[in-house]
Amino acid sequence: MKHPVDVHVGKRVRHRRWMVGMTQQQLAEQVGIKFQQIQKYETGMNRVSASRLWDIAAALDVPVGFFFEGIEDKFDTEAGEAKAVPGDILGDKEALELVRSYYAMPENQRRRLFELARVMSDVA
């Protein structure tokens, strides 16, 4: 059975890899493993060792702590079990694509798009 922390870390690896436009093969080559292992990490099927997570963080240019961000919202550390949470917004490929496109824009355009989205959501 997959541990919720392994699943969370795997999702964060996948999201970051996708956000920087890197394939599983490219990440695997940088880390020195086969892409199938990256697949297993990203699904939470296999646990990522501390040293491997260190290498992945370096390849994806984030601190190791990045992979644990938001875990408190999903996992009750005292009870040792997953909390019931709504669907992960970053699990939605369309939402990830939107975020990626947003950050690819120049800052002044991002600001204007953000304000437009805010106004539109207030109207809805």
PDB file of N, CA and C in Angstrom:
ATOM      1  N   MET A   1       0.843  -1.190   0.000  1.00  0.00           N
ATOM      2  CA  MET A   1       0.000   0.000   0.000  1.00  0.00           C
ATOM      3  C   MET A   1       0.887   1.252   0.000  1.00  0.00           C
ATOM      4  N   LYS A   2       0.515   2.223  -0.795  1.00  0.00           N
ATOM      5  CA  LYS A   2       1.283   3.459  -0.897  1.00  0.00           C
ATOM      6  C   LYS A   2       1.106   4.297   0.372  1.00  0.00           C
ATOM      7  N   HIS A   3       2.183   4.852   0.848  1.00  0.00           N
ATOM      8  CA  HIS A   3       2.122   5.742   2.006  1.00  0.00           C
ATOM      9  C   HIS A   3       1.762   7.139   1.504  1.00  0.00           C
ATOM     10  N   PRO A   4       0.861   7.838   2.177  1.00  0.00           N
ATOM     11  CA  PRO A   4       0.440   9.169   1.716  1.00  0.00           C
ATOM     12  C   PRO A   4       1.583  10.167   1.559  1.00  0.00           C
ATOM     13  N   VAL A   5       2.616  10.059   2.379  1.00  0.00           N
ATOM     14  CA  VAL A   5       3.751  10.974   2.258  1.00  0.00           C
ATOM     15  C   VAL A   5       4.515  10.688   0.969  1.00  0.00           C
ATOM     16  N   ASP A   6       4.692   9.413   0.638  1.00  0.00           N
ATOM     17  CA  ASP A   6       5.379   9.054  -0.607  1.00  0.00           C
ATOM     18  C   ASP A   6       4.598   9.543  -1.820  1.00  0.00           C
ATOM     19  N   VAL A   7       3.288   9.447  -1.757  1.00  0.00           N
ATOM     20  CA  VAL A   7       2.435   9.923  -2.846  1.00  0.00           C
ATOM     21  C   VAL A   7       2.569  11.441  -2.985  1.00  0.00           C
ATOM     22  N   HIS A   8       2.561  12.141  -1.854  1.00  0.00           N
ATOM     23  CA  HIS A   8       2.674  13.602  -1.876  1.00  0.00           C
ATOM     24  C   HIS A   8       4.020  14.031  -2.471  1.00  0.00           C
ATOM     25  N   VAL A   9       5.092  13.434  -1.999  1.00  0.00           N
ATOM     26  CA  VAL A   9       6.421  13.773  -2.509  1.00  0.00           C
ATOM     27  C   VAL A   9       6.488  13.482  -4.003  1.00  0.00           C
ATOM     28  N   GLY A  10       5.959  12.355  -4.419  1.00  0.00           N
ATOM     29  CA  GLY A  10       5.962  11.994  -5.836  1.00  0.00           C
ATOM     30  C   GLY A  10       5.203  12.995  -6.694  1.00  0.00           C
ATOM     31  N   LYS A  11       4.067  13.455  -6.188  1.00  0.00           N
ATOM     32  CA  LYS A  11       3.294  14.466  -6.926  1.00  0.00           C
ATOM     33  C   LYS A  11       4.072  15.766  -7.054  1.00  0.00           C
ATOM     34  N   ARG A  12       4.757  16.139  -5.982  1.00  0.00           N
ATOM     35  CA  ARG A  12       5.541  17.374  -6.023  1.00  0.00           C
ATOM     36  C   ARG A  12       6.710  17.254  -7.002  1.00  0.00           C
ATOM     37  N   VAL A  13       7.319  16.069  -7.082  1.00  0.00           N
ATOM     38  CA  VAL A  13       8.383  15.838  -8.067  1.00  0.00           C
ATOM     39  C   VAL A  13       7.804  15.998  -9.468  1.00  0.00           C
ATOM     40  N   ARG A  14       6.676  15.339  -9.732  1.00  0.00           N
ATOM     41  CA  ARG A  14       6.053  15.405 -11.058  1.00  0.00           C
ATOM     42  C   ARG A  14       5.660  16.838 -11.413  1.00  0.00           C
ATOM     43  N   HIS A  15       5.053  17.551 -10.481  1.00  0.00           N
ATOM     44  CA  HIS A  15       4.616  18.919 -10.761  1.00  0.00           C
ATOM     45  C   HIS A  15       5.794  19.834 -11.066  1.00  0.00           C
ATOM     46  N   ARG A  16       6.840  19.714 -10.268  1.00  0.00           N
ATOM     47  CA  ARG A  16       8.009  20.572 -10.514  1.00  0.00           C
ATOM     48  C   ARG A  16       8.666  20.218 -11.841  1.00  0.00           C
ATOM     49  N   ARG A  17       8.817  18.928 -12.113  1.00  0.00           N
ATOM     50  CA  ARG A  17       9.415  18.493 -13.369  1.00  0.00           C
ATOM     51  C   ARG A  17       8.614  19.025 -14.546  1.00  0.00           C
ATOM     52  N   TRP A  18       7.309  18.939 -14.432  1.00  0.00           N
ATOM     53  CA  TRP A  18       6.441  19.410 -15.508  1.00  0.00           C
ATOM     54  C   TRP A  18       6.526  20.923 -15.657  1.00  0.00           C
ATOM     55  N   MET A  19       6.589  21.638 -14.535  1.00  0.00           N
ATOM     56  CA  MET A  19       6.647  23.093 -14.575  1.00  0.00           C
ATOM     57  C   MET A  19       7.928  23.603 -15.230  1.00  0.00           C
ATOM     58  N   VAL A  20       9.022  22.884 -15.072  1.00  0.00           N
ATOM     59  CA  VAL A  20      10.263  23.329 -15.696  1.00  0.00           C
ATOM     60  C   VAL A  20      10.423  22.760 -17.104  1.00  0.00           C
ATOM     61  N   GLY A  21       9.429  21.980 -17.544  1.00  0.00           N
ATOM     62  CA  GLY A  21       9.455  21.450 -18.905  1.00  0.00           C
ATOM     63  C   GLY A  21      10.447  20.320 -19.113  1.00  0.00           C
ATOM     64  N   MET A  22      10.652  19.523 -18.090  1.00  0.00           N
ATOM     65  CA  MET A  22      11.612  18.420 -18.163  1.00  0.00           C
ATOM     66  C   MET A  22      10.867  17.099 -18.296  1.00  0.00           C
ATOM     67  N   THR A  23      11.376  16.198 -19.112  1.00  0.00           N
ATOM     68  CA  THR A  23      10.770  14.874 -19.248  1.00  0.00           C
ATOM     69  C   THR A  23      11.289  13.965 -18.140  1.00  0.00           C
ATOM     70  N   GLN A  24      10.612  12.847 -17.947  1.00  0.00           N
ATOM     71  CA  GLN A  24      11.085  11.864 -16.974  1.00  0.00           C
ATOM     72  C   GLN A  24      12.472  11.363 -17.376  1.00  0.00           C
ATOM     73  N   GLN A  25      12.680  11.182 -18.678  1.00  0.00           N
ATOM     74  CA  GLN A  25      13.975  10.711 -19.174  1.00  0.00           C
ATOM     75  C   GLN A  25      15.082  11.708 -18.847  1.00  0.00           C
ATOM     76  N   GLN A  26      14.804  12.992 -19.060  1.00  0.00           N
ATOM     77  CA  GLN A  26      15.816  14.019 -18.778  1.00  0.00           C
ATOM     78  C   GLN A  26      16.160  14.069 -17.292  1.00  0.00           C
ATOM     79  N   LEU A  27      15.130  13.992 -16.441  1.00  0.00           N
ATOM     80  CA  LEU A  27      15.379  14.000 -15.001  1.00  0.00           C
ATOM     81  C   LEU A  27      16.171  12.761 -14.602  1.00  0.00           C
ATOM     82  N   ALA A  28      15.779  11.623 -15.120  1.00  0.00           N
ATOM     83  CA  ALA A  28      16.479  10.374 -14.794  1.00  0.00           C
ATOM     84  C   ALA A  28      17.949  10.449 -15.175  1.00  0.00           C
ATOM     85  N   GLU A  29      18.231  11.002 -16.346  1.00  0.00           N
ATOM     86  CA  GLU A  29      19.622  11.123 -16.791  1.00  0.00           C
ATOM     87  C   GLU A  29      20.422  12.034 -15.861  1.00  0.00           C
ATOM     88  N   GLN A  30      19.813  13.129 -15.430  1.00  0.00           N
ATOM     89  CA  GLN A  30      20.517  14.055 -14.525  1.00  0.00           C
ATOM     90  C   GLN A  30      20.793  13.423 -13.165  1.00  0.00           C
ATOM     91  N   VAL A  31      19.879  12.544 -12.748  1.00  0.00           N
ATOM     92  CA  VAL A  31      20.005  11.927 -11.431  1.00  0.00           C
ATOM     93  C   VAL A  31      20.811  10.626 -11.494  1.00  0.00           C
ATOM     94  N   GLY A  32      20.935  10.057 -12.701  1.00  0.00           N
ATOM     95  CA  GLY A  32      21.711   8.833 -12.863  1.00  0.00           C
ATOM     96  C   GLY A  32      20.944   7.552 -12.638  1.00  0.00           C
ATOM     97  N   ILE A  33      19.646   7.579 -12.985  1.00  0.00           N
ATOM     98  CA  ILE A  33      18.810   6.385 -12.852  1.00  0.00           C
ATOM     99  C   ILE A  33      17.994   6.208 -14.128  1.00  0.00           C
ATOM    100  N   LYS A  34      17.186   5.168 -14.184  1.00  0.00           N
ATOM    101  CA  LYS A  34      16.322   4.918 -15.345  1.00  0.00           C
ATOM    102  C   LYS A  34      15.007   5.679 -15.170  1.00  0.00           C
ATOM    103  N   PHE A  35      14.392   6.055 -16.295  1.00  0.00           N
ATOM    104  CA  PHE A  35      13.170   6.848 -16.220  1.00  0.00           C
ATOM    105  C   PHE A  35      12.041   6.079 -15.543  1.00  0.00           C
ATOM    106  N   GLN A  36      12.072   4.738 -15.608  1.00  0.00           N
ATOM    107  CA  GLN A  36      11.028   3.941 -14.957  1.00  0.00           C
ATOM    108  C   GLN A  36      11.033   4.176 -13.450  1.00  0.00           C
ATOM    109  N   GLN A  37      12.228   4.424 -12.910  1.00  0.00           N
ATOM    110  CA  GLN A  37      12.310   4.690 -11.476  1.00  0.00           C
ATOM    111  C   GLN A  37      11.657   6.037 -11.151  1.00  0.00           C
ATOM    112  N   ILE A  38      11.842   7.015 -12.024  1.00  0.00           N
ATOM    113  CA  ILE A  38      11.175   8.314 -11.840  1.00  0.00           C
ATOM    114  C   ILE A  38       9.665   8.106 -11.846  1.00  0.00           C
ATOM    115  N   GLN A  39       9.175   7.284 -12.767  1.00  0.00           N
ATOM    116  CA  GLN A  39       7.738   6.980 -12.817  1.00  0.00           C
ATOM    117  C   GLN A  39       7.265   6.416 -11.488  1.00  0.00           C
ATOM    118  N   LYS A  40       8.010   5.503 -10.923  1.00  0.00           N
ATOM    119  CA  LYS A  40       7.622   4.884  -9.649  1.00  0.00           C
ATOM    120  C   LYS A  40       7.653   5.890  -8.506  1.00  0.00           C
ATOM    121  N   TYR A  41       8.644   6.797  -8.521  1.00  0.00           N
ATOM    122  CA  TYR A  41       8.687   7.836  -7.500  1.00  0.00           C
ATOM    123  C   TYR A  41       7.472   8.746  -7.617  1.00  0.00           C
ATOM    124  N   GLU A  42       7.146   9.143  -8.846  1.00  0.00           N
ATOM    125  CA  GLU A  42       6.071  10.111  -9.066  1.00  0.00           C
ATOM    126  C   GLU A  42       4.695   9.554  -8.696  1.00  0.00           C
ATOM    127  N   THR A  43       4.519   8.258  -8.763  1.00  0.00           N
ATOM    128  CA  THR A  43       3.239   7.663  -8.376  1.00  0.00           C
ATOM    129  C   THR A  43       3.202   7.287  -6.897  1.00  0.00           C
ATOM    130  N   GLY A  44       4.353   7.376  -6.235  1.00  0.00           N
ATOM    131  CA  GLY A  44       4.414   6.979  -4.830  1.00  0.00           C
ATOM    132  C   GLY A  44       4.571   5.485  -4.666  1.00  0.00           C
ATOM    133  N   MET A  45       4.761   4.769  -5.777  1.00  0.00           N
ATOM    134  CA  MET A  45       4.931   3.316  -5.724  1.00  0.00           C
ATOM    135  C   MET A  45       6.233   2.959  -4.995  1.00  0.00           C
ATOM    136  N   ASN A  46       7.293   3.730  -5.269  1.00  0.00           N
ATOM    137  CA  ASN A  46       8.578   3.546  -4.580  1.00  0.00           C
ATOM    138  C   ASN A  46       8.895   4.784  -3.767  1.00  0.00           C
ATOM    139  N   ARG A  47       9.492   4.566  -2.615  1.00  0.00           N
ATOM    140  CA  ARG A  47       9.934   5.680  -1.785  1.00  0.00           C
ATOM    141  C   ARG A  47      11.228   6.251  -2.341  1.00  0.00           C
ATOM    142  N   VAL A  48      11.378   7.552  -2.173  1.00  0.00           N
ATOM    143  CA  VAL A  48      12.593   8.231  -2.608  1.00  0.00           C
ATOM    144  C   VAL A  48      13.517   8.331  -1.394  1.00  0.00           C
ATOM    145  N   SER A  49      14.726   7.819  -1.528  1.00  0.00           N
ATOM    146  CA  SER A  49      15.682   7.918  -0.421  1.00  0.00           C
ATOM    147  C   SER A  49      16.095   9.378  -0.245  1.00  0.00           C
ATOM    148  N   ALA A  50      16.660   9.688   0.904  1.00  0.00           N
ATOM    149  CA  ALA A  50      17.078  11.063   1.199  1.00  0.00           C
ATOM    150  C   ALA A  50      18.123  11.544   0.198  1.00  0.00           C
ATOM    151  N   SER A  51      19.105  10.705  -0.110  1.00  0.00           N
ATOM    152  CA  SER A  51      20.157  11.122  -1.043  1.00  0.00           C
ATOM    153  C   SER A  51      19.610  11.298  -2.456  1.00  0.00           C
ATOM    154  N   ARG A  52      18.670  10.458  -2.855  1.00  0.00           N
ATOM    155  CA  ARG A  52      18.068  10.575  -4.189  1.00  0.00           C
ATOM    156  C   ARG A  52      17.196  11.832  -4.257  1.00  0.00           C
ATOM    157  N   LEU A  53      16.473  12.122  -3.178  1.00  0.00           N
ATOM    158  CA  LEU A  53      15.654  13.331  -3.145  1.00  0.00           C
ATOM    159  C   LEU A  53      16.549  14.571  -3.231  1.00  0.00           C
ATOM    160  N   TRP A  54      17.700  14.501  -2.617  1.00  0.00           N
ATOM    161  CA  TRP A  54      18.675  15.590  -2.684  1.00  0.00           C
ATOM    162  C   TRP A  54      19.091  15.820  -4.138  1.00  0.00           C
ATOM    163  N   ASP A  55      19.384  14.731  -4.844  1.00  0.00           N
ATOM    164  CA  ASP A  55      19.788  14.816  -6.255  1.00  0.00           C
ATOM    165  C   ASP A  55      18.654  15.344  -7.133  1.00  0.00           C
ATOM    166  N   ILE A  56      17.441  14.892  -6.871  1.00  0.00           N
ATOM    167  CA  ILE A  56      16.278  15.345  -7.648  1.00  0.00           C
ATOM    168  C   ILE A  56      16.046  16.833  -7.410  1.00  0.00           C
ATOM    169  N   ALA A  57      16.164  17.258  -6.161  1.00  0.00           N
ATOM    170  CA  ALA A  57      15.989  18.677  -5.835  1.00  0.00           C
ATOM    171  C   ALA A  57      17.010  19.527  -6.584  1.00  0.00           C
ATOM    172  N   ALA A  58      18.251  19.058  -6.633  1.00  0.00           N
ATOM    173  CA  ALA A  58      19.296  19.800  -7.349  1.00  0.00           C
ATOM    174  C   ALA A  58      18.975  19.855  -8.841  1.00  0.00           C
ATOM    175  N   ALA A  59      18.534  18.752  -9.406  1.00  0.00           N
ATOM    176  CA  ALA A  59      18.216  18.707 -10.839  1.00  0.00           C
ATOM    177  C   ALA A  59      17.036  19.609 -11.186  1.00  0.00           C
ATOM    178  N   LEU A  60      16.092  19.735 -10.254  1.00  0.00           N
ATOM    179  CA  LEU A  60      14.897  20.549 -10.490  1.00  0.00           C
ATOM    180  C   LEU A  60      15.036  21.963  -9.924  1.00  0.00           C
ATOM    181  N   ASP A  61      16.201  22.255  -9.354  1.00  0.00           N
ATOM    182  CA  ASP A  61      16.524  23.588  -8.848  1.00  0.00           C
ATOM    183  C   ASP A  61      15.544  24.082  -7.784  1.00  0.00           C
ATOM    184  N   VAL A  62      15.274  23.227  -6.796  1.00  0.00           N
ATOM    185  CA  VAL A  62      14.436  23.587  -5.650  1.00  0.00           C
ATOM    186  C   VAL A  62      15.084  23.043  -4.385  1.00  0.00           C
ATOM    187  N   PRO A  63      14.772  23.628  -3.222  1.00  0.00           N
ATOM    188  CA  PRO A  63      15.265  23.042  -1.970  1.00  0.00           C
ATOM    189  C   PRO A  63      14.522  21.731  -1.683  1.00  0.00           C
ATOM    190  N   VAL A  64      15.141  20.842  -0.943  1.00  0.00           N
ATOM    191  CA  VAL A  64      14.522  19.550  -0.627  1.00  0.00           C
ATOM    192  C   VAL A  64      13.168  19.748   0.047  1.00  0.00           C
ATOM    193  N   GLY A  65      13.047  20.766   0.882  1.00  0.00           N
ATOM    194  CA  GLY A  65      11.792  21.033   1.581  1.00  0.00           C
ATOM    195  C   GLY A  65      10.617  21.285   0.654  1.00  0.00           C
ATOM    196  N   PHE A  66      10.898  21.685  -0.580  1.00  0.00           N
ATOM    197  CA  PHE A  66       9.837  21.930  -1.564  1.00  0.00           C
ATOM    198  C   PHE A  66       8.921  20.717  -1.700  1.00  0.00           C
ATOM    199  N   PHE A  67       9.495  19.521  -1.651  1.00  0.00           N
ATOM    200  CA  PHE A  67       8.720  18.306  -1.887  1.00  0.00           C
ATOM    201  C   PHE A  67       7.766  17.977  -0.732  1.00  0.00           C
ATOM    202  N   PHE A  68       7.966  18.637   0.404  1.00  0.00           N
ATOM    203  CA  PHE A  68       7.116  18.384   1.565  1.00  0.00           C
ATOM    204  C   PHE A  68       6.125  19.520   1.829  1.00  0.00           C
ATOM    205  N   GLU A  69       6.212  20.590   1.042  1.00  0.00           N
ATOM    206  CA  GLU A  69       5.293  21.713   1.233  1.00  0.00           C
ATOM    207  C   GLU A  69       3.855  21.240   1.066  1.00  0.00           C
ATOM    208  N   GLY A  70       3.001  21.662   1.994  1.00  0.00           N
ATOM    209  CA  GLY A  70       1.585  21.313   1.933  1.00  0.00           C
ATOM    210  C   GLY A  70       1.246  19.977   2.551  1.00  0.00           C
ATOM    211  N   ILE A  71       2.239  19.248   3.013  1.00  0.00           N
ATOM    212  CA  ILE A  71       1.984  17.917   3.571  1.00  0.00           C
ATOM    213  C   ILE A  71       1.149  18.004   4.851  1.00  0.00           C
ATOM    214  N   GLU A  72       1.321  19.097   5.603  1.00  0.00           N
ATOM    215  CA  GLU A  72       0.565  19.238   6.845  1.00  0.00           C
ATOM    216  C   GLU A  72      -0.935  19.281   6.579  1.00  0.00           C
ATOM    217  N   ASP A  73      -1.309  19.796   5.414  1.00  0.00           N
ATOM    218  CA  ASP A  73      -2.720  19.889   5.066  1.00  0.00           C
ATOM    219  C   ASP A  73      -3.310  18.536   4.673  1.00  0.00           C
ATOM    220  N   LYS A  74      -2.455  17.606   4.273  1.00  0.00           N
ATOM    221  CA  LYS A  74      -2.934  16.325   3.765  1.00  0.00           C
ATOM    222  C   LYS A  74      -2.716  15.162   4.716  1.00  0.00           C
ATOM    223  N   PHE A  75      -1.836  15.334   5.688  1.00  0.00           N
ATOM    224  CA  PHE A  75      -1.446  14.198   6.513  1.00  0.00           C
ATOM    225  C   PHE A  75      -1.444  14.591   7.981  1.00  0.00           C
ATOM    226  N   ASP A  76      -2.176  13.865   8.779  1.00  0.00           N
ATOM    227  CA  ASP A  76      -2.238  14.099  10.217  1.00  0.00           C
ATOM    228  C   ASP A  76      -1.058  13.370  10.853  1.00  0.00           C
ATOM    229  N   THR A  77       0.000  14.120  11.171  1.00  0.00           N
ATOM    230  CA  THR A  77       1.222  13.497  11.667  1.00  0.00           C
ATOM    231  C   THR A  77       1.036  12.845  13.039  1.00  0.00           C
ATOM    232  N   GLU A  78       0.147  13.363  13.854  1.00  0.00           N
ATOM    233  CA  GLU A  78      -0.072  12.761  15.172  1.00  0.00           C
ATOM    234  C   GLU A  78      -0.809  11.434  15.056  1.00  0.00           C
ATOM    235  N   ALA A  79      -1.825  11.380  14.195  1.00  0.00           N
ATOM    236  CA  ALA A  79      -2.588  10.143  14.028  1.00  0.00           C
ATOM    237  C   ALA A  79      -1.899   9.188  13.058  1.00  0.00           C
ATOM    238  N   GLY A  80      -0.978   9.714  12.238  1.00  0.00           N
ATOM    239  CA  GLY A  80      -0.270   8.875  11.284  1.00  0.00           C
ATOM    240  C   GLY A  80      -1.118   8.428  10.117  1.00  0.00           C
ATOM    241  N   GLU A  81      -2.085   9.249   9.737  1.00  0.00           N
ATOM    242  CA  GLU A  81      -2.953   8.860   8.617  1.00  0.00           C
ATOM    243  C   GLU A  81      -3.307  10.069   7.760  1.00  0.00           C
ATOM    244  N   ALA A  82      -3.770   9.773   6.562  1.00  0.00           N
ATOM    245  CA  ALA A  82      -4.135  10.834   5.625  1.00  0.00           C
ATOM    246  C   ALA A  82      -5.427  11.497   6.068  1.00  0.00           C
ATOM    247  N   LYS A  83      -5.495  12.815   5.861  1.00  0.00           N
ATOM    248  CA  LYS A  83      -6.736  13.553   6.112  1.00  0.00           C
ATOM    249  C   LYS A  83      -7.587  13.495   4.847  1.00  0.00           C
ATOM    250  N   ALA A  84      -8.864  13.647   5.004  1.00  0.00           N
ATOM    251  CA  ALA A  84      -9.738  13.766   3.839  1.00  0.00           C
ATOM    252  C   ALA A  84      -9.620  15.188   3.320  1.00  0.00           C
ATOM    253  N   VAL A  85      -9.148  15.333   2.099  1.00  0.00           N
ATOM    254  CA  VAL A  85      -8.975  16.658   1.514  1.00  0.00           C
ATOM    255  C   VAL A  85      -9.627  16.694   0.150  1.00  0.00           C
ATOM    256  N   PRO A  86     -10.023  17.880  -0.288  1.00  0.00           N
ATOM    257  CA  PRO A  86     -10.566  17.988  -1.629  1.00  0.00           C
ATOM    258  C   PRO A  86      -9.499  17.663  -2.658  1.00  0.00           C
ATOM    259  N   GLY A  87      -9.904  17.443  -3.894  1.00  0.00           N
ATOM    260  CA  GLY A  87      -8.984  17.096  -4.972  1.00  0.00           C
ATOM    261  C   GLY A  87      -7.819  18.058  -5.087  1.00  0.00           C
ATOM    262  N   ASP A  88      -6.689  17.543  -5.421  1.00  0.00           N
ATOM    263  CA  ASP A  88      -5.473  18.324  -5.571  1.00  0.00           C
ATOM    264  C   ASP A  88      -5.552  19.130  -6.857  1.00  0.00           C
ATOM    265  N   ILE A  89      -5.546  20.446  -6.745  1.00  0.00           N
ATOM    266  CA  ILE A  89      -5.669  21.321  -7.913  1.00  0.00           C
ATOM    267  C   ILE A  89      -4.517  21.099  -8.873  1.00  0.00           C
ATOM    268  N   LEU A  90      -3.323  20.803  -8.348  1.00  0.00           N
ATOM    269  CA  LEU A  90      -2.183  20.579  -9.226  1.00  0.00           C
ATOM    270  C   LEU A  90      -2.199  19.197  -9.860  1.00  0.00           C
ATOM    271  N   GLY A  91      -3.155  18.378  -9.484  1.00  0.00           N
ATOM    272  CA  GLY A  91      -3.337  17.082 -10.133  1.00  0.00           C
ATOM    273  C   GLY A  91      -4.064  17.230 -11.451  1.00  0.00           C
ATOM    274  N   ASP A  92      -4.650  18.384 -11.663  1.00  0.00           N
ATOM    275  CA  ASP A  92      -5.385  18.673 -12.891  1.00  0.00           C
ATOM    276  C   ASP A  92      -4.408  19.198 -13.935  1.00  0.00           C
ATOM    277  N   LYS A  93      -4.256  18.465 -15.029  1.00  0.00           N
ATOM    278  CA  LYS A  93      -3.291  18.838 -16.066  1.00  0.00           C
ATOM    279  C   LYS A  93      -3.592  20.218 -16.650  1.00  0.00           C
ATOM    280  N   GLU A  94      -4.876  20.544 -16.802  1.00  0.00           N
ATOM    281  CA  GLU A  94      -5.253  21.848 -17.336  1.00  0.00           C
ATOM    282  C   GLU A  94      -4.817  22.973 -16.403  1.00  0.00           C
ATOM    283  N   ALA A  95      -4.988  22.761 -15.103  1.00  0.00           N
ATOM    284  CA  ALA A  95      -4.574  23.773 -14.127  1.00  0.00           C
ATOM    285  C   ALA A  95      -3.055  23.950 -14.152  1.00  0.00           C
ATOM    286  N   LEU A  96      -2.331  22.849 -14.270  1.00  0.00           N
ATOM    287  CA  LEU A  96      -0.875  22.941 -14.348  1.00  0.00           C
ATOM    288  C   LEU A  96      -0.438  23.688 -15.605  1.00  0.00           C
ATOM    289  N   GLU A  97      -1.108  23.413 -16.702  1.00  0.00           N
ATOM    290  CA  GLU A  97      -0.782  24.088 -17.951  1.00  0.00           C
ATOM    291  C   GLU A  97      -1.055  25.588 -17.840  1.00  0.00           C
ATOM    292  N   LEU A  98      -2.150  25.931 -17.177  1.00  0.00           N
ATOM    293  CA  LEU A  98      -2.492  27.335 -16.975  1.00  0.00           C
ATOM    294  C   LEU A  98      -1.415  28.040 -16.141  1.00  0.00           C
ATOM    295  N   VAL A  99      -0.994  27.410 -15.067  1.00  0.00           N
ATOM    296  CA  VAL A  99       0.027  27.995 -14.205  1.00  0.00           C
ATOM    297  C   VAL A  99       1.345  28.142 -14.968  1.00  0.00           C
ATOM    298  N   ARG A 100       1.700  27.126 -15.719  1.00  0.00           N
ATOM    299  CA  ARG A 100       2.935  27.186 -16.498  1.00  0.00           C
ATOM    300  C   ARG A 100       2.888  28.320 -17.521  1.00  0.00           C
ATOM    301  N   SER A 101       1.770  28.442 -18.206  1.00  0.00           N
ATOM    302  CA  SER A 101       1.612  29.511 -19.189  1.00  0.00           C
ATOM    303  C   SER A 101       1.650  30.877 -18.507  1.00  0.00           C
ATOM    304  N   TYR A 102       1.025  30.974 -17.352  1.00  0.00           N
ATOM    305  CA  TYR A 102       0.987  32.220 -16.595  1.00  0.00           C
ATOM    306  C   TYR A 102       2.402  32.699 -16.273  1.00  0.00           C
ATOM    307  N   TYR A 103       3.242  31.796 -15.781  1.00  0.00           N
ATOM    308  CA  TYR A 103       4.596  32.194 -15.401  1.00  0.00           C
ATOM    309  C   TYR A 103       5.521  32.372 -16.599  1.00  0.00           C
ATOM    310  N   ALA A 104       5.091  31.949 -17.768  1.00  0.00           N
ATOM    311  CA  ALA A 104       5.882  32.179 -18.979  1.00  0.00           C
ATOM    312  C   ALA A 104       5.664  33.595 -19.517  1.00  0.00           C
ATOM    313  N   MET A 105       4.629  34.276 -19.024  1.00  0.00           N
ATOM    314  CA  MET A 105       4.313  35.628 -19.486  1.00  0.00           C
ATOM    315  C   MET A 105       5.218  36.661 -18.815  1.00  0.00           C
ATOM    316  N   PRO A 106       5.424  37.795 -19.474  1.00  0.00           N
ATOM    317  CA  PRO A 106       6.131  38.896 -18.815  1.00  0.00           C
ATOM    318  C   PRO A 106       5.336  39.360 -17.589  1.00  0.00           C
ATOM    319  N   GLU A 107       6.037  39.872 -16.606  1.00  0.00           N
ATOM    320  CA  GLU A 107       5.403  40.224 -15.324  1.00  0.00           C
ATOM    321  C   GLU A 107       4.244  41.205 -15.475  1.00  0.00           C
ATOM    322  N   ASN A 108       4.381  42.210 -16.331  1.00  0.00           N
ATOM    323  CA  ASN A 108       3.300  43.196 -16.467  1.00  0.00           C
ATOM    324  C   ASN A 108       2.031  42.541 -17.043  1.00  0.00           C
ATOM    325  N   GLN A 109       2.193  41.610 -17.968  1.00  0.00           N
ATOM    326  CA  GLN A 109       1.030  40.898 -18.507  1.00  0.00           C
ATOM    327  C   GLN A 109       0.416  39.970 -17.463  1.00  0.00           C
ATOM    328  N   ARG A 110       1.276  39.330 -16.667  1.00  0.00           N
ATOM    329  CA  ARG A 110       0.762  38.457 -15.592  1.00  0.00           C
ATOM    330  C   ARG A 110      -0.093  39.255 -14.629  1.00  0.00           C
ATOM    331  N   ARG A 111       0.386  40.432 -14.260  1.00  0.00           N
ATOM    332  CA  ARG A 111      -0.351  41.267 -13.315  1.00  0.00           C
ATOM    333  C   ARG A 111      -1.725  41.630 -13.876  1.00  0.00           C
ATOM    334  N   ARG A 112      -1.755  42.007 -15.161  1.00  0.00           N
ATOM    335  CA  ARG A 112      -3.026  42.376 -15.793  1.00  0.00           C
ATOM    336  C   ARG A 112      -3.966  41.179 -15.885  1.00  0.00           C
ATOM    337  N   LEU A 113      -3.428  40.014 -16.240  1.00  0.00           N
ATOM    338  CA  LEU A 113      -4.251  38.805 -16.317  1.00  0.00           C
ATOM    339  C   LEU A 113      -4.784  38.426 -14.933  1.00  0.00           C
ATOM    340  N   PHE A 114      -3.944  38.574 -13.923  1.00  0.00           N
ATOM    341  CA  PHE A 114      -4.361  38.278 -12.558  1.00  0.00           C
ATOM    342  C   PHE A 114      -5.527  39.172 -12.139  1.00  0.00           C
ATOM    343  N   GLU A 115      -5.401  40.459 -12.424  1.00  0.00           N
ATOM    344  CA  GLU A 115      -6.475  41.397 -12.071  1.00  0.00           C
ATOM    345  C   GLU A 115      -7.760  41.063 -12.834  1.00  0.00           C
ATOM    346  N   LEU A 116      -7.625  40.691 -14.114  1.00  0.00           N
ATOM    347  CA  LEU A 116      -8.802  40.297 -14.895  1.00  0.00           C
ATOM    348  C   LEU A 116      -9.471  39.081 -14.281  1.00  0.00           C
ATOM    349  N   ALA A 117      -8.679  38.097 -13.938  1.00  0.00           N
ATOM    350  CA  ALA A 117      -9.228  36.868 -13.318  1.00  0.00           C
ATOM    351  C   ALA A 117      -9.914  37.184 -11.996  1.00  0.00           C
ATOM    352  N   ARG A 118      -9.317  38.063 -11.215  1.00  0.00           N
ATOM    353  CA  ARG A 118      -9.913  38.446  -9.930  1.00  0.00           C
ATOM    354  C   ARG A 118     -11.277  39.109 -10.140  1.00  0.00           C
ATOM    355  N   VAL A 119     -11.342  40.027 -11.109  1.00  0.00           N
ATOM    356  CA  VAL A 119     -12.614  40.713 -11.405  1.00  0.00           C
ATOM    357  C   VAL A 119     -13.646  39.711 -11.901  1.00  0.00           C
ATOM    358  N   MET A 120     -13.238  38.833 -12.794  1.00  0.00           N
ATOM    359  CA  MET A 120     -14.182  37.845 -13.345  1.00  0.00           C
ATOM    360  C   MET A 120     -14.687  36.898 -12.263  1.00  0.00           C
ATOM    361  N   SER A 121     -13.832  36.496 -11.339  1.00  0.00           N
ATOM    362  CA  SER A 121     -14.276  35.583 -10.289  1.00  0.00           C
ATOM    363  C   SER A 121     -15.211  36.269  -9.291  1.00  0.00           C
ATOM    364  N   ASP A 122     -15.038  37.574  -9.104  1.00  0.00           N
ATOM    365  CA  ASP A 122     -15.933  38.311  -8.222  1.00  0.00           C
ATOM    366  C   ASP A 122     -17.319  38.435  -8.839  1.00  0.00           C
ATOM    367  N   VAL A 123     -17.383  38.480 -10.150  1.00  0.00           N
ATOM    368  CA  VAL A 123     -18.666  38.608 -10.852  1.00  0.00           C
ATOM    369  C   VAL A 123     -19.430  37.302 -10.821  1.00  0.00           C
ATOM    370  N   ALA A 124     -18.717  36.185 -10.909  1.00  0.00           N
ATOM    371  CA  ALA A 124     -19.362  34.857 -11.000  1.00  0.00           C
ATOM    372  C   ALA A 124     -20.148  34.506  -9.765  1.00  0.00           C
TER     373      ALA A 124
END
